[in-house]
Amino acid sequence: MRRTAGFTLLEVLAVAAVLIILFLLGSVFVPIRAGDNYRAPNACLSNLKQMAIGIAMYASDADDRLPLAKDWMDGLDPYVKNPNVSQCYAVKPGGHGYAMNRFLAGVSEETLEKPTEMHLVYDASSLGKSITEYLPSFPLPARHGGNNNVAFADTHARAVPMGPK
């Protein structure tokens, strides 16, 4: 019998199965290979949100006063259960990368005007622990795809675009 040009059904199914397996393996290993920076924007935004909520909980136990500037991160330990919450994933290991607005240190929450617009904790160019700043020193270039993350005094957090669009 003479064979015509083309592929048999079995050959087509075998090639399709191999391609599907390669695709599935690629979708599993690509995020693993990308490492911590693959999840950095959402994880850091979550960290800032957790710190802002921890600061609000601290204030509720401290007569509505926000933490003092000295060692403010340590003051959050009883309120924030994640031990890595003070570390930005886009910063080299050992660095922290967050700062608190020094104008708000020790202030009563009741006196805050426009808490939805006040930077409370944010990405900072300084990598030390418990950093406080009078003016935000956002890292440039921004750490998270052109954005730096900010948690506001009302505890909401969002990515803030840096530089021209």
Protein backbone atom coordinates (compact mmCIF):
# COMPACT_ATOMS: atom_id res chain seq x y z
CA MET A 1 0.00 0.00 0.00
CA ARG A 2 1.13 3.45 -0.82
CA ARG A 3 1.41 6.05 1.93
CA THR A 4 0.24 9.59 1.23
CA ALA A 5 2.05 12.68 2.50
CA GLY A 6 0.91 13.85 5.92
CA PHE A 7 0.81 12.80 9.54
CA THR A 8 -1.21 10.13 11.24
CA LEU A 9 -3.58 10.96 14.04
CA LEU A 10 -1.27 9.26 16.52
CA GLU A 11 1.69 11.43 15.50
CA VAL A 12 -0.36 14.64 15.82
CA LEU A 13 -1.64 13.64 19.28
CA ALA A 14 1.89 12.77 20.45
CA VAL A 15 3.24 16.18 19.37
CA ALA A 16 0.27 17.96 21.02
CA ALA A 17 0.84 16.06 24.28
CA VAL A 18 4.54 17.02 24.31
CA LEU A 19 3.70 20.70 23.69
CA ILE A 20 1.10 20.70 26.47
CA ILE A 21 3.59 19.17 28.91
CA LEU A 22 6.24 21.76 27.98
CA PHE A 23 3.73 24.59 28.41
CA LEU A 24 2.66 23.34 31.83
CA LEU A 25 6.26 22.92 33.00
CA GLY A 26 7.08 26.42 31.77
CA SER A 27 4.16 27.96 33.63
CA VAL A 28 5.31 26.28 36.84
CA PHE A 29 9.01 27.11 36.63
CA VAL A 30 9.00 30.65 35.25
CA PRO A 31 7.61 32.27 38.44
CA ILE A 32 10.02 30.21 40.56
CA ARG A 33 12.97 31.28 38.46
CA ALA A 34 11.92 34.94 38.59
CA GLY A 35 12.42 34.90 42.37
CA ASP A 36 11.23 37.50 44.85
CA ASN A 37 11.07 40.37 42.37
CA TYR A 38 8.33 38.49 40.51
CA ARG A 39 5.96 39.15 43.43
CA ALA A 40 7.49 42.39 44.66
CA PRO A 41 4.83 44.97 43.69
CA ASN A 42 1.87 43.18 45.30
CA ALA A 43 3.84 41.84 48.25
CA CYS A 44 5.29 45.25 49.11
CA LEU A 45 1.91 46.90 48.82
CA SER A 46 0.54 44.24 51.15
CA ASN A 47 3.42 44.84 53.58
CA LEU A 48 2.67 48.55 53.72
CA LYS A 49 -1.03 47.89 54.24
CA GLN A 50 -0.23 45.50 57.11
CA MET A 51 2.12 48.07 58.69
CA ALA A 52 -0.52 50.81 58.40
CA ILE A 53 -3.10 48.57 60.08
CA GLY A 54 -0.52 47.64 62.73
CA ILE A 55 0.11 51.34 63.39
CA ALA A 56 -3.65 51.94 63.74
CA MET A 57 -3.89 49.02 66.20
CA TYR A 58 -0.88 50.38 68.11
CA ALA A 59 -2.58 53.78 68.29
CA SER A 60 -5.81 52.29 69.63
CA ASP A 61 -3.80 50.81 72.52
CA ALA A 62 -1.78 54.01 73.07
CA ASP A 63 -4.52 56.62 73.63
CA ASP A 64 -4.89 57.16 69.86
CA ARG A 65 -1.25 58.20 69.47
CA LEU A 66 0.86 56.95 66.58
CA PRO A 67 4.21 55.29 67.39
CA LEU A 68 7.19 57.43 68.30
CA ALA A 69 9.92 57.86 65.71
CA LYS A 70 12.51 55.80 67.59
CA ASP A 71 12.11 52.09 66.83
CA TRP A 72 8.61 52.45 65.37
CA MET A 73 8.95 49.14 63.51
CA ASP A 74 9.69 47.28 66.74
CA GLY A 75 6.55 48.79 68.28
CA LEU A 76 4.47 47.03 65.62
CA ASP A 77 5.67 43.52 66.52
CA PRO A 78 2.64 42.64 68.69
CA TYR A 79 0.25 43.86 65.97
CA VAL A 80 1.85 42.46 62.81
CA LYS A 81 2.30 38.69 62.72
CA ASN A 82 4.39 38.46 59.55
CA PRO A 83 8.07 38.72 60.60
CA ASN A 84 9.09 39.84 57.09
CA VAL A 85 6.55 42.65 56.81
CA SER A 86 9.26 45.28 57.30
CA GLN A 87 11.27 44.12 54.28
CA CYS A 88 10.59 45.19 50.72
CA TYR A 89 11.10 42.27 48.32
CA ALA A 90 12.71 44.58 45.77
CA VAL A 91 15.50 45.47 48.24
CA LYS A 92 18.62 43.36 48.70
CA PRO A 93 18.47 40.96 51.68
CA GLY A 94 19.18 42.63 55.00
CA GLY A 95 17.71 45.98 53.94
CA HIS A 96 14.23 47.17 54.84
CA GLY A 97 13.36 49.94 52.39
CA TYR A 98 10.43 51.53 54.25
CA ALA A 99 10.16 54.79 56.19
CA MET A 100 7.52 56.45 58.36
CA ASN A 101 6.45 60.08 58.05
CA ARG A 102 8.25 61.78 60.96
CA PHE A 103 5.59 64.52 61.16
CA LEU A 104 3.12 61.84 62.28
CA ALA A 105 5.32 60.21 64.95
CA GLY A 106 3.62 60.41 68.36
CA VAL A 107 0.70 62.45 66.99
CA SER A 108 -2.88 61.77 68.03
CA GLU A 109 -4.96 60.18 65.28
CA GLU A 110 -7.82 62.54 66.13
CA THR A 111 -5.77 65.58 65.05
CA LEU A 112 -4.96 64.25 61.59
CA GLU A 113 -6.44 66.35 58.82
CA LYS A 114 -7.13 64.54 55.54
CA PRO A 115 -5.76 61.11 56.58
CA THR A 116 -6.66 59.80 53.12
CA GLU A 117 -3.92 62.04 51.67
CA MET A 118 -1.22 61.77 54.39
CA HIS A 119 1.70 59.47 53.66
CA LEU A 120 2.18 57.29 56.74
CA VAL A 121 4.61 54.56 55.61
CA TYR A 122 6.21 54.36 52.18
CA ASP A 123 9.02 53.00 50.00
CA ALA A 124 12.17 54.90 50.94
CA SER A 125 15.62 55.17 49.44
CA SER A 126 17.13 54.50 52.88
CA LEU A 127 17.37 50.80 53.68
CA GLY A 128 17.76 50.96 57.48
CA LYS A 129 15.22 49.81 60.07
CA SER A 130 12.76 52.22 61.72
CA ILE A 131 13.67 55.10 59.41
CA THR A 132 11.63 58.28 59.79
CA GLU A 133 11.76 61.22 57.38
CA TYR A 134 10.27 64.70 57.28
CA LEU A 135 10.14 64.57 53.49
CA PRO A 136 9.69 61.31 51.58
CA SER A 137 12.88 60.13 49.88
CA PHE A 138 11.26 57.87 47.32
CA PRO A 139 13.78 55.65 45.54
CA LEU A 140 14.47 56.73 41.98
CA PRO A 141 14.16 54.89 39.75
CA ALA A 142 11.06 53.57 41.43
CA ARG A 143 11.30 50.00 42.72
CA HIS A 144 8.07 48.60 41.38
CA GLY A 145 7.79 49.12 37.65
CA GLY A 146 7.77 52.93 37.72
CA ASN A 147 5.77 53.08 40.96
CA ASN A 148 6.60 53.45 44.63
CA ASN A 149 4.16 52.13 47.21
CA VAL A 150 2.59 54.27 49.93
CA ALA A 151 0.31 53.49 52.89
CA PHE A 152 -1.77 56.43 54.02
CA ALA A 153 -2.89 57.46 57.50
CA ASP A 154 -6.37 56.01 56.91
CA THR A 155 -4.62 52.61 56.32
CA HIS A 156 -5.28 52.33 52.58
CA ALA A 157 -2.24 51.64 50.39
CA ARG A 158 -1.60 52.21 46.71
CA ALA A 159 1.12 52.41 44.12
CA VAL A 160 2.13 55.99 43.27
CA PRO A 161 3.55 56.63 39.79
CA MET A 162 6.97 58.30 39.76
CA GLY A 163 8.31 60.42 36.95
CA PRO A 164 6.87 61.16 33.51
CA LYS A 165 4.37 58.82 31.94
